Amino acid sequence: MKGPSWQQMVGLTRRWHGRLGPLLLLPLLNSALTGVAYRLGKDWLGLERAQVHWLMVLHEGEWLGTPGKSLYVLSEAVGVVWLLVTGSVLAWNRFGSRRMGTKGKSIG
Protein backbone atom coordinates (compact mmCIF):
# COMPACT_ATOMS: atom_id res chain seq x y z
CA MET A 1 0.00 0.00 0.00
CA LYS A 2 1.36 3.39 -1.04
CA GLY A 3 1.55 6.25 1.46
CA PRO A 4 0.38 9.81 0.88
CA SER A 5 2.21 11.92 -1.70
CA TRP A 6 4.36 14.91 -0.79
CA GLN A 7 1.61 17.30 -1.91
CA GLN A 8 -0.96 15.48 0.23
CA MET A 9 1.37 15.76 3.22
CA VAL A 10 1.89 19.48 2.55
CA GLY A 11 -1.88 19.94 2.36
CA LEU A 12 -2.35 18.14 5.66
CA THR A 13 0.45 20.18 7.23
CA ARG A 14 -1.12 23.42 5.96
CA ARG A 15 -4.49 22.42 7.39
CA TRP A 16 -3.11 21.63 10.87
CA HIS A 17 -0.84 24.68 10.86
CA GLY A 18 -3.90 26.81 10.10
CA ARG A 19 -6.01 25.16 12.79
CA LEU A 20 -3.50 25.34 15.63
CA GLY A 21 -2.06 28.77 14.81
CA PRO A 22 -5.13 30.75 15.92
CA LEU A 23 -5.37 28.72 19.15
CA LEU A 24 -1.81 29.68 20.02
CA LEU A 25 -2.17 33.33 19.06
CA LEU A 26 -3.48 34.66 22.39
CA PRO A 27 -1.13 32.73 24.71
CA LEU A 28 1.93 33.63 22.62
CA LEU A 29 0.85 37.24 22.26
CA ASN A 30 0.28 37.42 26.03
CA SER A 31 3.73 35.98 26.67
CA ALA A 32 5.47 38.31 24.23
CA LEU A 33 3.73 41.49 25.37
CA THR A 34 3.97 40.87 29.11
CA GLY A 35 7.62 39.78 28.83
CA VAL A 36 8.59 42.92 26.92
CA ALA A 37 6.51 45.16 29.19
CA TYR A 38 8.14 43.64 32.29
CA ARG A 39 11.68 44.12 30.98
CA LEU A 40 11.09 47.65 29.69
CA GLY A 41 9.22 48.64 32.84
CA LYS A 42 12.21 47.64 34.96
CA ASP A 43 15.00 48.84 32.66
CA TRP A 44 13.62 51.96 31.00
CA LEU A 45 11.02 53.18 33.48
CA GLY A 46 13.00 52.27 36.60
CA LEU A 47 10.10 50.39 38.19
CA GLU A 48 10.80 48.02 41.05
CA ARG A 49 10.27 44.29 40.76
CA ALA A 50 7.26 44.48 43.06
CA GLN A 51 5.61 47.08 40.81
CA VAL A 52 5.79 44.92 37.69
CA HIS A 53 5.52 41.46 39.24
CA TRP A 54 1.90 41.20 38.06
CA LEU A 55 3.24 41.18 34.49
CA MET A 56 5.42 38.19 35.32
CA VAL A 57 2.40 36.44 36.88
CA LEU A 58 0.59 36.83 33.54
CA HIS A 59 3.72 36.01 31.52
CA GLU A 60 4.46 32.72 33.25
CA GLY A 61 0.85 31.61 33.70
CA GLU A 62 1.05 31.66 37.50
CA TRP A 63 -2.62 32.68 37.59
CA LEU A 64 -3.46 29.11 36.48
CA GLY A 65 -1.96 27.51 39.59
CA THR A 66 0.94 25.05 39.76
CA PRO A 67 -0.29 22.34 37.36
CA GLY A 68 -1.82 24.92 35.02
CA LYS A 69 1.38 26.95 34.91
CA SER A 70 3.38 23.92 33.80
CA LEU A 71 0.83 23.00 31.13
CA TYR A 72 0.70 26.62 29.92
CA VAL A 73 4.46 26.85 29.51
CA LEU A 74 4.68 23.39 27.92
CA SER A 75 1.86 24.12 25.47
CA GLU A 76 3.52 27.38 24.44
CA ALA A 77 6.86 25.68 23.87
CA VAL A 78 5.35 22.79 21.90
CA GLY A 79 3.18 25.25 19.99
CA VAL A 80 6.13 27.42 18.95
CA VAL A 81 8.12 24.39 17.81
CA TRP A 82 5.07 23.06 15.91
CA LEU A 83 4.50 26.37 14.13
CA LEU A 84 8.20 26.70 13.28
CA VAL A 85 8.44 23.18 11.85
CA THR A 86 5.19 23.26 9.90
CA GLY A 87 5.81 26.83 8.72
CA SER A 88 9.26 25.80 7.52
CA VAL A 89 7.80 22.87 5.60
CA LEU A 90 5.23 25.14 3.99
CA ALA A 91 7.84 27.80 3.14
CA TRP A 92 10.18 25.17 1.73
CA ASN A 93 7.37 23.83 -0.43
CA ARG A 94 6.40 27.29 -1.67
CA PHE A 95 9.83 28.79 -2.29
CA GLY A 96 11.72 25.59 -3.04
CA SER A 97 9.31 24.59 -5.80
CA ARG A 98 9.85 27.92 -7.60
CA ARG A 99 13.47 27.02 -8.22
CA MET A 100 12.61 23.63 -9.68
CA GLY A 101 11.10 22.83 -13.06
CA THR A 102 8.34 20.32 -13.68
CA LYS A 103 10.84 17.45 -13.97
CA GLY A 104 12.49 18.30 -10.64
CA LYS A 105 15.53 19.85 -12.30
CA SER A 106 16.84 23.25 -11.36
CA ILE A 107 15.79 25.99 -13.77
CA GLY A 108 17.96 28.75 -12.30
PDB file of N, CA and C in Angstrom:
ATOM      1  N   MET A   1       0.838  -1.183   0.000  1.00  0.00           N
ATOM      2  CA  MET A   1       0.000   0.000   0.000  1.00  0.00           C
ATOM      3  C   MET A   1       0.880   1.243   0.000  1.00  0.00           C
ATOM      4  N   LYS A   2       0.567   2.183  -0.876  1.00  0.00           N
ATOM      5  CA  LYS A   2       1.358   3.392  -1.040  1.00  0.00           C
ATOM      6  C   LYS A   2       0.903   4.462  -0.056  1.00  0.00           C
ATOM      7  N   GLY A   3       1.860   5.175   0.520  1.00  0.00           N
ATOM      8  CA  GLY A   3       1.545   6.246   1.459  1.00  0.00           C
ATOM      9  C   GLY A   3       1.134   7.513   0.731  1.00  0.00           C
ATOM     10  N   PRO A   4       0.791   8.549   1.498  1.00  0.00           N
ATOM     11  CA  PRO A   4       0.376   9.810   0.882  1.00  0.00           C
ATOM     12  C   PRO A   4       1.529  10.472   0.131  1.00  0.00           C
ATOM     13  N   SER A   5       1.198  11.210  -0.921  1.00  0.00           N
ATOM     14  CA  SER A   5       2.208  11.917  -1.699  1.00  0.00           C
ATOM     15  C   SER A   5       2.714  13.128  -0.916  1.00  0.00           C
ATOM     16  N   TRP A   6       3.797  13.714  -1.430  1.00  0.00           N
ATOM     17  CA  TRP A   6       4.364  14.912  -0.794  1.00  0.00           C
ATOM     18  C   TRP A   6       3.326  16.029  -0.755  1.00  0.00           C
ATOM     19  N   GLN A   7       2.602  16.233  -1.855  1.00  0.00           N
ATOM     20  CA  GLN A   7       1.609  17.300  -1.906  1.00  0.00           C
ATOM     21  C   GLN A   7       0.458  17.051  -0.934  1.00  0.00           C
ATOM     22  N   GLN A   8       0.084  15.800  -0.750  1.00  0.00           N
ATOM     23  CA  GLN A   8      -0.956  15.484   0.233  1.00  0.00           C
ATOM     24  C   GLN A   8      -0.465  15.788   1.643  1.00  0.00           C
ATOM     25  N   MET A   9       0.798  15.466   1.905  1.00  0.00           N
ATOM     26  CA  MET A   9       1.370  15.756   3.223  1.00  0.00           C
ATOM     27  C   MET A   9       1.453  17.270   3.461  1.00  0.00           C
ATOM     28  N   VAL A  10       1.825  18.016   2.430  1.00  0.00           N
ATOM     29  CA  VAL A  10       1.888  19.480   2.553  1.00  0.00           C
ATOM     30  C   VAL A  10       0.489  20.031   2.814  1.00  0.00           C
ATOM     31  N   GLY A  11      -0.510  19.499   2.133  1.00  0.00           N
ATOM     32  CA  GLY A  11      -1.883  19.937   2.357  1.00  0.00           C
ATOM     33  C   GLY A  11      -2.346  19.669   3.777  1.00  0.00           C
ATOM     34  N   LEU A  12      -2.012  18.487   4.286  1.00  0.00           N
ATOM     35  CA  LEU A  12      -2.353  18.139   5.665  1.00  0.00           C
ATOM     36  C   LEU A  12      -1.613  19.044   6.652  1.00  0.00           C
ATOM     37  N   THR A  13      -0.343  19.291   6.372  1.00  0.00           N
ATOM     38  CA  THR A  13       0.452  20.181   7.226  1.00  0.00           C
ATOM     39  C   THR A  13      -0.144  21.585   7.229  1.00  0.00           C
ATOM     40  N   ARG A  14      -0.524  22.083   6.059  1.00  0.00           N
ATOM     41  CA  ARG A  14      -1.122  23.417   5.957  1.00  0.00           C
ATOM     42  C   ARG A  14      -2.421  23.496   6.763  1.00  0.00           C
ATOM     43  N   ARG A  15      -3.220  22.457   6.665  1.00  0.00           N
ATOM     44  CA  ARG A  15      -4.495  22.424   7.387  1.00  0.00           C
ATOM     45  C   ARG A  15      -4.266  22.490   8.901  1.00  0.00           C
ATOM     46  N   TRP A  16      -3.349  21.656   9.420  1.00  0.00           N
ATOM     47  CA  TRP A  16      -3.113  21.632  10.867  1.00  0.00           C
ATOM     48  C   TRP A  16      -2.387  22.882  11.351  1.00  0.00           C
ATOM     49  N   HIS A  17      -1.516  23.427  10.527  1.00  0.00           N
ATOM     50  CA  HIS A  17      -0.840  24.681  10.864  1.00  0.00           C
ATOM     51  C   HIS A  17      -1.896  25.787  11.001  1.00  0.00           C
ATOM     52  N   GLY A  18      -2.840  25.807  10.071  1.00  0.00           N
ATOM     53  CA  GLY A  18      -3.900  26.813  10.097  1.00  0.00           C
ATOM     54  C   GLY A  18      -4.883  26.634  11.238  1.00  0.00           C
ATOM     55  N   ARG A  19      -5.077  25.412  11.678  1.00  0.00           N
ATOM     56  CA  ARG A  19      -6.007  25.161  12.788  1.00  0.00           C
ATOM     57  C   ARG A  19      -5.396  25.483  14.144  1.00  0.00           C
ATOM     58  N   LEU A  20      -4.138  25.135  14.328  1.00  0.00           N
ATOM     59  CA  LEU A  20      -3.501  25.338  15.631  1.00  0.00           C
ATOM     60  C   LEU A  20      -2.956  26.756  15.816  1.00  0.00           C
ATOM     61  N   GLY A  21      -2.603  27.411  14.720  1.00  0.00           N
ATOM     62  CA  GLY A  21      -2.062  28.766  14.805  1.00  0.00           C
ATOM     63  C   GLY A  21      -2.966  29.725  15.567  1.00  0.00           C
ATOM     64  N   PRO A  22      -4.247  29.820  15.196  1.00  0.00           N
ATOM     65  CA  PRO A  22      -5.132  30.747  15.917  1.00  0.00           C
ATOM     66  C   PRO A  22      -5.317  30.398  17.400  1.00  0.00           C
ATOM     67  N   LEU A  23      -5.244  29.114  17.735  1.00  0.00           N
ATOM     68  CA  LEU A  23      -5.368  28.722  19.150  1.00  0.00           C
ATOM     69  C   LEU A  23      -4.170  29.184  19.972  1.00  0.00           C
ATOM     70  N   LEU A  24      -3.021  29.282  19.324  1.00  0.00           N
ATOM     71  CA  LEU A  24      -1.805  29.684  20.024  1.00  0.00           C
ATOM     72  C   LEU A  24      -1.584  31.191  19.995  1.00  0.00           C
ATOM     73  N   LEU A  25      -2.374  31.897  19.213  1.00  0.00           N
ATOM     74  CA  LEU A  25      -2.172  33.333  19.062  1.00  0.00           C
ATOM     75  C   LEU A  25      -2.250  34.079  20.393  1.00  0.00           C
ATOM     76  N   LEU A  26      -3.322  33.904  21.142  1.00  0.00           N
ATOM     77  CA  LEU A  26      -3.477  34.661  22.392  1.00  0.00           C
ATOM     78  C   LEU A  26      -2.435  34.309  23.451  1.00  0.00           C
ATOM     79  N   PRO A  27      -2.169  33.024  23.715  1.00  0.00           N
ATOM     80  CA  PRO A  27      -1.130  32.733  24.710  1.00  0.00           C
ATOM     81  C   PRO A  27       0.253  33.267  24.312  1.00  0.00           C
ATOM     82  N   LEU A  28       0.610  33.146  23.043  1.00  0.00           N
ATOM     83  CA  LEU A  28       1.930  33.629  22.618  1.00  0.00           C
ATOM     84  C   LEU A  28       1.989  35.152  22.603  1.00  0.00           C
ATOM     85  N   LEU A  29       0.904  35.788  22.217  1.00  0.00           N
ATOM     86  CA  LEU A  29       0.847  37.244  22.255  1.00  0.00           C
ATOM     87  C   LEU A  29       0.927  37.745  23.695  1.00  0.00           C
ATOM     88  N   ASN A  30       0.217  37.078  24.601  1.00  0.00           N
ATOM     89  CA  ASN A  30       0.283  37.415  26.028  1.00  0.00           C
ATOM     90  C   ASN A  30       1.718  37.294  26.532  1.00  0.00           C
ATOM     91  N   SER A  31       2.367  36.205  26.197  1.00  0.00           N
ATOM     92  CA  SER A  31       3.725  35.975  26.668  1.00  0.00           C
ATOM     93  C   SER A  31       4.696  37.018  26.110  1.00  0.00           C
ATOM     94  N   ALA A  32       4.569  37.327  24.843  1.00  0.00           N
ATOM     95  CA  ALA A  32       5.465  38.310  24.230  1.00  0.00           C
ATOM     96  C   ALA A  32       5.250  39.703  24.818  1.00  0.00           C
ATOM     97  N   LEU A  33       4.007  40.133  24.894  1.00  0.00           N
ATOM     98  CA  LEU A  33       3.730  41.490  25.369  1.00  0.00           C
ATOM     99  C   LEU A  33       4.054  41.681  26.843  1.00  0.00           C
ATOM    100  N   THR A  34       3.687  40.713  27.678  1.00  0.00           N
ATOM    101  CA  THR A  34       3.973  40.869  29.108  1.00  0.00           C
ATOM    102  C   THR A  34       5.467  40.750  29.394  1.00  0.00           C
ATOM    103  N   GLY A  35       6.170  39.897  28.647  1.00  0.00           N
ATOM    104  CA  GLY A  35       7.623  39.776  28.828  1.00  0.00           C
ATOM    105  C   GLY A  35       8.349  41.056  28.462  1.00  0.00           C
ATOM    106  N   VAL A  36       7.970  41.653  27.346  1.00  0.00           N
ATOM    107  CA  VAL A  36       8.591  42.916  26.924  1.00  0.00           C
ATOM    108  C   VAL A  36       8.215  44.036  27.887  1.00  0.00           C
ATOM    109  N   ALA A  37       6.956  44.109  28.270  1.00  0.00           N
ATOM    110  CA  ALA A  37       6.514  45.164  29.189  1.00  0.00           C
ATOM    111  C   ALA A  37       7.238  45.054  30.533  1.00  0.00           C
ATOM    112  N   TYR A  38       7.436  43.845  31.020  1.00  0.00           N
ATOM    113  CA  TYR A  38       8.144  43.636  32.288  1.00  0.00           C
ATOM    114  C   TYR A  38       9.579  44.156  32.189  1.00  0.00           C
ATOM    115  N   ARG A  39      10.273  43.731  31.135  1.00  0.00           N
ATOM    116  CA  ARG A  39      11.679  44.121  30.979  1.00  0.00           C
ATOM    117  C   ARG A  39      11.815  45.624  30.782  1.00  0.00           C
ATOM    118  N   LEU A  40      10.988  46.216  29.931  1.00  0.00           N
ATOM    119  CA  LEU A  40      11.085  47.654  29.689  1.00  0.00           C
ATOM    120  C   LEU A  40      10.643  48.460  30.903  1.00  0.00           C
ATOM    121  N   GLY A  41       9.653  47.957  31.625  1.00  0.00           N
ATOM    122  CA  GLY A  41       9.222  48.640  32.841  1.00  0.00           C
ATOM    123  C   GLY A  41      10.341  48.722  33.865  1.00  0.00           C
ATOM    124  N   LYS A  42      11.089  47.645  34.007  1.00  0.00           N
ATOM    125  CA  LYS A  42      12.206  47.644  34.956  1.00  0.00           C
ATOM    126  C   LYS A  42      13.394  48.450  34.431  1.00  0.00           C
ATOM    127  N   ASP A  43      13.776  48.222  33.179  1.00  0.00           N
ATOM    128  CA  ASP A  43      14.997  48.836  32.657  1.00  0.00           C
ATOM    129  C   ASP A  43      14.817  50.299  32.251  1.00  0.00           C
ATOM    130  N   TRP A  44      13.777  50.609  31.532  1.00  0.00           N
ATOM    131  CA  TRP A  44      13.616  51.963  31.004  1.00  0.00           C
ATOM    132  C   TRP A  44      12.838  52.877  31.934  1.00  0.00           C
ATOM    133  N   LEU A  45      11.848  52.329  32.613  1.00  0.00           N
ATOM    134  CA  LEU A  45      11.021  53.175  33.477  1.00  0.00           C
ATOM    135  C   LEU A  45      11.495  53.174  34.924  1.00  0.00           C
ATOM    136  N   GLY A  46      12.446  52.308  35.251  1.00  0.00           N
ATOM    137  CA  GLY A  46      12.996  52.272  36.601  1.00  0.00           C
ATOM    138  C   GLY A  46      12.041  51.739  37.650  1.00  0.00           C
ATOM    139  N   LEU A  47      11.060  50.952  37.231  1.00  0.00           N
ATOM    140  CA  LEU A  47      10.104  50.393  38.188  1.00  0.00           C
ATOM    141  C   LEU A  47      10.756  49.258  38.972  1.00  0.00           C
ATOM    142  N   GLU A  48      10.299  49.094  40.201  1.00  0.00           N
ATOM    143  CA  GLU A  48      10.805  48.018  41.049  1.00  0.00           C
ATOM    144  C   GLU A  48      10.145  46.704  40.664  1.00  0.00           C
ATOM    145  N   ARG A  49      10.784  45.621  41.057  1.00  0.00           N
ATOM    146  CA  ARG A  49      10.271  44.286  40.756  1.00  0.00           C
ATOM    147  C   ARG A  49       8.844  44.114  41.277  1.00  0.00           C
ATOM    148  N   ALA A  50       8.583  44.621  42.455  1.00  0.00           N
ATOM    149  CA  ALA A  50       7.256  44.480  43.060  1.00  0.00           C
ATOM    150  C   ALA A  50       6.181  45.226  42.257  1.00  0.00           C
ATOM    151  N   GLN A  51       6.574  46.297  41.583  1.00  0.00           N
ATOM    152  CA  GLN A  51       5.615  47.080  40.812  1.00  0.00           C
ATOM    153  C   GLN A  51       5.204  46.390  39.507  1.00  0.00           C
ATOM    154  N   VAL A  52       6.082  45.571  38.973  1.00  0.00           N
ATOM    155  CA  VAL A  52       5.792  44.923  37.685  1.00  0.00           C
ATOM    156  C   VAL A  52       5.651  43.403  37.821  1.00  0.00           C
ATOM    157  N   HIS A  53       5.623  42.918  39.040  1.00  0.00           N
ATOM    158  CA  HIS A  53       5.516  41.460  39.235  1.00  0.00           C
ATOM    159  C   HIS A  53       4.237  40.901  38.642  1.00  0.00           C
ATOM    160  N   TRP A  54       3.168  41.674  38.635  1.00  0.00           N
ATOM    161  CA  TRP A  54       1.900  41.195  38.065  1.00  0.00           C
ATOM    162  C   TRP A  54       2.061  40.835  36.586  1.00  0.00           C
ATOM    163  N   LEU A  55       2.975  41.530  35.894  1.00  0.00           N
ATOM    164  CA  LEU A  55       3.238  41.181  34.492  1.00  0.00           C
ATOM    165  C   LEU A  55       3.885  39.801  34.391  1.00  0.00           C
ATOM    166  N   MET A  56       4.769  39.499  35.331  1.00  0.00           N
ATOM    167  CA  MET A  56       5.418  38.185  35.321  1.00  0.00           C
ATOM    168  C   MET A  56       4.417  37.094  35.689  1.00  0.00           C
ATOM    169  N   VAL A  57       3.461  37.404  36.545  1.00  0.00           N
ATOM    170  CA  VAL A  57       2.399  36.443  36.877  1.00  0.00           C
ATOM    171  C   VAL A  57       1.614  36.094  35.623  1.00  0.00           C
ATOM    172  N   LEU A  58       1.276  37.093  34.809  1.00  0.00           N
ATOM    173  CA  LEU A  58       0.589  36.835  33.539  1.00  0.00           C
ATOM    174  C   LEU A  58       1.497  36.120  32.552  1.00  0.00           C
ATOM    175  N   HIS A  59       2.745  36.552  32.470  1.00  0.00           N
ATOM    176  CA  HIS A  59       3.717  36.014  31.516  1.00  0.00           C
ATOM    177  C   HIS A  59       3.960  34.520  31.716  1.00  0.00           C
ATOM    178  N   GLU A  60       4.126  34.117  32.947  1.00  0.00           N
ATOM    179  CA  GLU A  60       4.463  32.717  33.246  1.00  0.00           C
ATOM    180  C   GLU A  60       3.245  31.837  33.469  1.00  0.00           C
ATOM    181  N   GLY A  61       2.060  32.400  33.488  1.00  0.00           N
ATOM    182  CA  GLY A  61       0.855  31.607  33.697  1.00  0.00           C
ATOM    183  C   GLY A  61       0.631  31.217  35.146  1.00  0.00           C
ATOM    184  N   GLU A  62       1.214  31.960  36.079  1.00  0.00           N
ATOM    185  CA  GLU A  62       1.050  31.656  37.504  1.00  0.00           C
ATOM    186  C   GLU A  62      -0.409  31.734  37.935  1.00  0.00           C
ATOM    187  N   TRP A  63      -1.206  32.509  37.256  1.00  0.00           N
ATOM    188  CA  TRP A  63      -2.615  32.683  37.591  1.00  0.00           C
ATOM    189  C   TRP A  63      -3.401  31.394  37.366  1.00  0.00           C
ATOM    190  N   LEU A  64      -2.807  30.399  36.714  1.00  0.00           N
ATOM    191  CA  LEU A  64      -3.457  29.108  36.477  1.00  0.00           C
ATOM    192  C   LEU A  64      -3.169  28.087  37.575  1.00  0.00           C
ATOM    193  N   GLY A  65      -2.343  28.448  38.544  1.00  0.00           N
ATOM    194  CA  GLY A  65      -1.964  27.509  39.591  1.00  0.00           C
ATOM    195  C   GLY A  65      -0.770  26.672  39.146  1.00  0.00           C
ATOM    196  N   THR A  66      -0.276  25.828  40.042  1.00  0.00           N
ATOM    197  CA  THR A  66       0.935  25.054  39.756  1.00  0.00           C
ATOM    198  C   THR A  66       0.791  24.103  38.573  1.00  0.00           C
ATOM    199  N   PRO A  67      -0.212  23.228  38.535  1.00  0.00           N
ATOM    200  CA  PRO A  67      -0.293  22.339  37.365  1.00  0.00           C
ATOM    201  C   PRO A  67      -0.628  23.103  36.084  1.00  0.00           C
ATOM    202  N   GLY A  68      -1.455  24.132  36.185  1.00  0.00           N
ATOM    203  CA  GLY A  68      -1.825  24.925  35.019  1.00  0.00           C
ATOM    204  C   GLY A  68      -0.652  25.691  34.448  1.00  0.00           C
ATOM    205  N   LYS A  69       0.198  26.209  35.340  1.00  0.00           N
ATOM    206  CA  LYS A  69       1.378  26.953  34.910  1.00  0.00           C
ATOM    207  C   LYS A  69       2.287  26.066  34.075  1.00  0.00           C
ATOM    208  N   SER A  70       2.512  24.842  34.540  1.00  0.00           N
ATOM    209  CA  SER A  70       3.377  23.919  33.803  1.00  0.00           C
ATOM    210  C   SER A  70       2.782  23.571  32.442  1.00  0.00           C
ATOM    211  N   LEU A  71       1.484  23.321  32.396  1.00  0.00           N
ATOM    212  CA  LEU A  71       0.827  23.005  31.127  1.00  0.00           C
ATOM    213  C   LEU A  71       0.843  24.201  30.180  1.00  0.00           C
ATOM    214  N   TYR A  72       0.681  25.395  30.723  1.00  0.00           N
ATOM    215  CA  TYR A  72       0.696  26.619  29.918  1.00  0.00           C
ATOM    216  C   TYR A  72       2.062  26.798  29.252  1.00  0.00           C
ATOM    217  N   VAL A  73       3.109  26.677  30.035  1.00  0.00           N
ATOM    218  CA  VAL A  73       4.463  26.851  29.506  1.00  0.00           C
ATOM    219  C   VAL A  73       4.790  25.742  28.509  1.00  0.00           C
ATOM    220  N   LEU A  74       4.424  24.515  28.834  1.00  0.00           N
ATOM    221  CA  LEU A  74       4.680  23.393  27.924  1.00  0.00           C
ATOM    222  C   LEU A  74       3.919  23.560  26.615  1.00  0.00           C
ATOM    223  N   SER A  75       2.657  23.957  26.695  1.00  0.00           N
ATOM    224  CA  SER A  75       1.864  24.121  25.475  1.00  0.00           C
ATOM    225  C   SER A  75       2.411  25.249  24.609  1.00  0.00           C
ATOM    226  N   GLU A  76       2.905  26.310  25.214  1.00  0.00           N
ATOM    227  CA  GLU A  76       3.516  27.384  24.440  1.00  0.00           C
ATOM    228  C   GLU A  76       4.786  26.908  23.746  1.00  0.00           C
ATOM    229  N   ALA A  77       5.611  26.169  24.458  1.00  0.00           N
ATOM    230  CA  ALA A  77       6.861  25.675  23.867  1.00  0.00           C
ATOM    231  C   ALA A  77       6.581  24.702  22.719  1.00  0.00           C
ATOM    232  N   VAL A  78       5.695  23.753  22.946  1.00  0.00           N
ATOM    233  CA  VAL A  78       5.353  22.790  21.901  1.00  0.00           C
ATOM    234  C   VAL A  78       4.694  23.515  20.731  1.00  0.00           C
ATOM    235  N   GLY A  79       3.853  24.496  21.038  1.00  0.00           N
ATOM    236  CA  GLY A  79       3.185  25.253  19.989  1.00  0.00           C
ATOM    237  C   GLY A  79       4.154  26.027  19.118  1.00  0.00           C
ATOM    238  N   VAL A  80       5.139  26.671  19.724  1.00  0.00           N
ATOM    239  CA  VAL A  80       6.134  27.421  18.954  1.00  0.00           C
ATOM    240  C   VAL A  80       6.932  26.480  18.067  1.00  0.00           C
ATOM    241  N   VAL A  81       7.359  25.358  18.616  1.00  0.00           N
ATOM    242  CA  VAL A  81       8.116  24.389  17.813  1.00  0.00           C
ATOM    243  C   VAL A  81       7.245  23.867  16.666  1.00  0.00           C
ATOM    244  N   TRP A  82       5.988  23.545  16.947  1.00  0.00           N
ATOM    245  CA  TRP A  82       5.069  23.060  15.913  1.00  0.00           C
ATOM    246  C   TRP A  82       4.928  24.085  14.785  1.00  0.00           C
ATOM    247  N   LEU A  83       4.680  25.344  15.149  1.00  0.00           N
ATOM    248  CA  LEU A  83       4.502  26.366  14.129  1.00  0.00           C
ATOM    249  C   LEU A  83       5.784  26.610  13.337  1.00  0.00           C
ATOM    250  N   LEU A  84       6.932  26.542  13.997  1.00  0.00           N
ATOM    251  CA  LEU A  84       8.203  26.705  13.280  1.00  0.00           C
ATOM    252  C   LEU A  84       8.443  25.564  12.295  1.00  0.00           C
ATOM    253  N   VAL A  85       8.202  24.338  12.729  1.00  0.00           N
ATOM    254  CA  VAL A  85       8.440  23.184  11.852  1.00  0.00           C
ATOM    255  C   VAL A  85       7.455  23.180  10.689  1.00  0.00           C
ATOM    256  N   THR A  86       6.177  23.306  10.986  1.00  0.00           N
ATOM    257  CA  THR A  86       5.187  23.262   9.903  1.00  0.00           C
ATOM    258  C   THR A  86       5.314  24.478   8.991  1.00  0.00           C
ATOM    259  N   GLY A  87       5.590  25.640   9.547  1.00  0.00           N
ATOM    260  CA  GLY A  87       5.806  26.828   8.724  1.00  0.00           C
ATOM    261  C   GLY A  87       7.017  26.683   7.832  1.00  0.00           C
ATOM    262  N   SER A  88       8.068  26.048   8.338  1.00  0.00           N
ATOM    263  CA  SER A  88       9.261  25.803   7.524  1.00  0.00           C
ATOM    264  C   SER A  88       8.963  24.850   6.376  1.00  0.00           C
ATOM    265  N   VAL A  89       8.188  23.804   6.651  1.00  0.00           N
ATOM    266  CA  VAL A  89       7.802  22.867   5.598  1.00  0.00           C
ATOM    267  C   VAL A  89       6.992  23.589   4.527  1.00  0.00           C
ATOM    268  N   LEU A  90       6.055  24.412   4.947  1.00  0.00           N
ATOM    269  CA  LEU A  90       5.231  25.141   3.988  1.00  0.00           C
ATOM    270  C   LEU A  90       6.057  26.148   3.188  1.00  0.00           C
ATOM    271  N   ALA A  91       6.972  26.844   3.846  1.00  0.00           N
ATOM    272  CA  ALA A  91       7.837  27.798   3.145  1.00  0.00           C
ATOM    273  C   ALA A  91       8.751  27.070   2.174  1.00  0.00           C
ATOM    274  N   TRP A  92       9.310  25.954   2.596  1.00  0.00           N
ATOM    275  CA  TRP A  92      10.183  25.166   1.726  1.00  0.00           C
ATOM    276  C   TRP A  92       9.410  24.715   0.487  1.00  0.00           C
ATOM    277  N   ASN A  93       8.193  24.278   0.698  1.00  0.00           N
ATOM    278  CA  ASN A  93       7.371  23.832  -0.429  1.00  0.00           C
ATOM    279  C   ASN A  93       7.074  24.992  -1.377  1.00  0.00           C
ATOM    280  N   ARG A  94       6.755  26.140  -0.825  1.00  0.00           N
ATOM    281  CA  ARG A  94       6.402  27.290  -1.668  1.00  0.00           C
ATOM    282  C   ARG A  94       7.606  27.855  -2.401  1.00  0.00           C
ATOM    283  N   PHE A  95       8.687  28.133  -1.675  1.00  0.00           N
ATOM    284  CA  PHE A  95       9.830  28.792  -2.288  1.00  0.00           C
ATOM    285  C   PHE A  95      10.784  27.806  -2.949  1.00  0.00           C
ATOM    286  N   GLY A  96      10.860  26.607  -2.440  1.00  0.00           N
ATOM    287  CA  GLY A  96      11.723  25.590  -3.044  1.00  0.00           C
ATOM    288  C   GLY A  96      11.197  25.136  -4.387  1.00  0.00           C
ATOM    289  N   SER A  97       9.881  25.064  -4.544  1.00  0.00           N
ATOM    290  CA  SER A  97       9.307  24.593  -5.798  1.00  0.00           C
ATOM    291  C   SER A  97       9.453  25.631  -6.903  1.00  0.00           C
ATOM    292  N   ARG A  98       9.654  26.883  -6.565  1.00  0.00           N
ATOM    293  CA  ARG A  98       9.846  27.918  -7.596  1.00  0.00           C
ATOM    294  C   ARG A  98      11.177  27.761  -8.307  1.00  0.00           C
ATOM    295  N   ARG A  99      12.153  27.191  -7.621  1.00  0.00           N
ATOM    296  CA  ARG A  99      13.471  27.015  -8.220  1.00  0.00           C
ATOM    297  C   ARG A  99      13.569  25.758  -9.064  1.00  0.00           C
ATOM    298  N   MET A 100      12.559  24.898  -8.968  1.00  0.00           N
ATOM    299  CA  MET A 100      12.614  23.628  -9.677  1.00  0.00           C
ATOM    300  C   MET A 100      11.636  23.636 -10.848  1.00  0.00           C
ATOM    301  N   GLY A 101      12.006  22.992 -11.925  1.00  0.00           N
ATOM    302  CA  GLY A 101      11.105  22.832 -13.059  1.00  0.00           C
ATOM    303  C   GLY A 101      10.157  21.691 -12.822  1.00  0.00           C
ATOM    304  N   THR A 102       9.351  21.376 -13.825  1.00  0.00           N
ATOM    305  CA  THR A 102       8.340  20.323 -13.683  1.00  0.00           C
ATOM    306  C   THR A 102       8.953  18.940 -13.569  1.00  0.00           C
ATOM    307  N   LYS A 103      10.175  18.763 -14.047  1.00  0.00           N
ATOM    308  CA  LYS A 103      10.838  17.450 -13.973  1.00  0.00           C
ATOM    309  C   LYS A 103      11.738  17.339 -12.734  1.00  0.00           C
ATOM    310  N   GLY A 104      11.685  18.333 -11.863  1.00  0.00           N
ATOM    311  CA  GLY A 104      12.487  18.297 -10.641  1.00  0.00           C
ATOM    312  C   GLY A 104      13.907  18.761 -10.847  1.00  0.00           C
ATOM    313  N   LYS A 105      14.197  19.339 -12.010  1.00  0.00           N
ATOM    314  CA  LYS A 105      15.533  19.855 -12.295  1.00  0.00           C
ATOM    315  C   LYS A 105      15.559  21.344 -12.073  1.00  0.00           C
ATOM    316  N   SER A 106      16.696  21.820 -11.625  1.00  0.00           N
ATOM    317  CA  SER A 106      16.845  23.250 -11.355  1.00  0.00           C
ATOM    318  C   SER A 106      16.702  24.051 -12.645  1.00  0.00           C
ATOM    319  N   ILE A 107      15.965  25.152 -12.589  1.00  0.00           N
ATOM    320  CA  ILE A 107      15.787  25.987 -13.768  1.00  0.00           C
ATOM    321  C   ILE A 107      16.570  27.289 -13.662  1.00  0.00           C
ATOM    322  N   GLY A 108      17.250  27.496 -12.522  1.00  0.00           N
ATOM    323  CA  GLY A 108      17.962  28.751 -12.298  1.00  0.00           C
ATOM    324  C   GLY A 108      19.400  28.701 -12.495  1.00  0.00           C
TER     325      GLY A 108
END
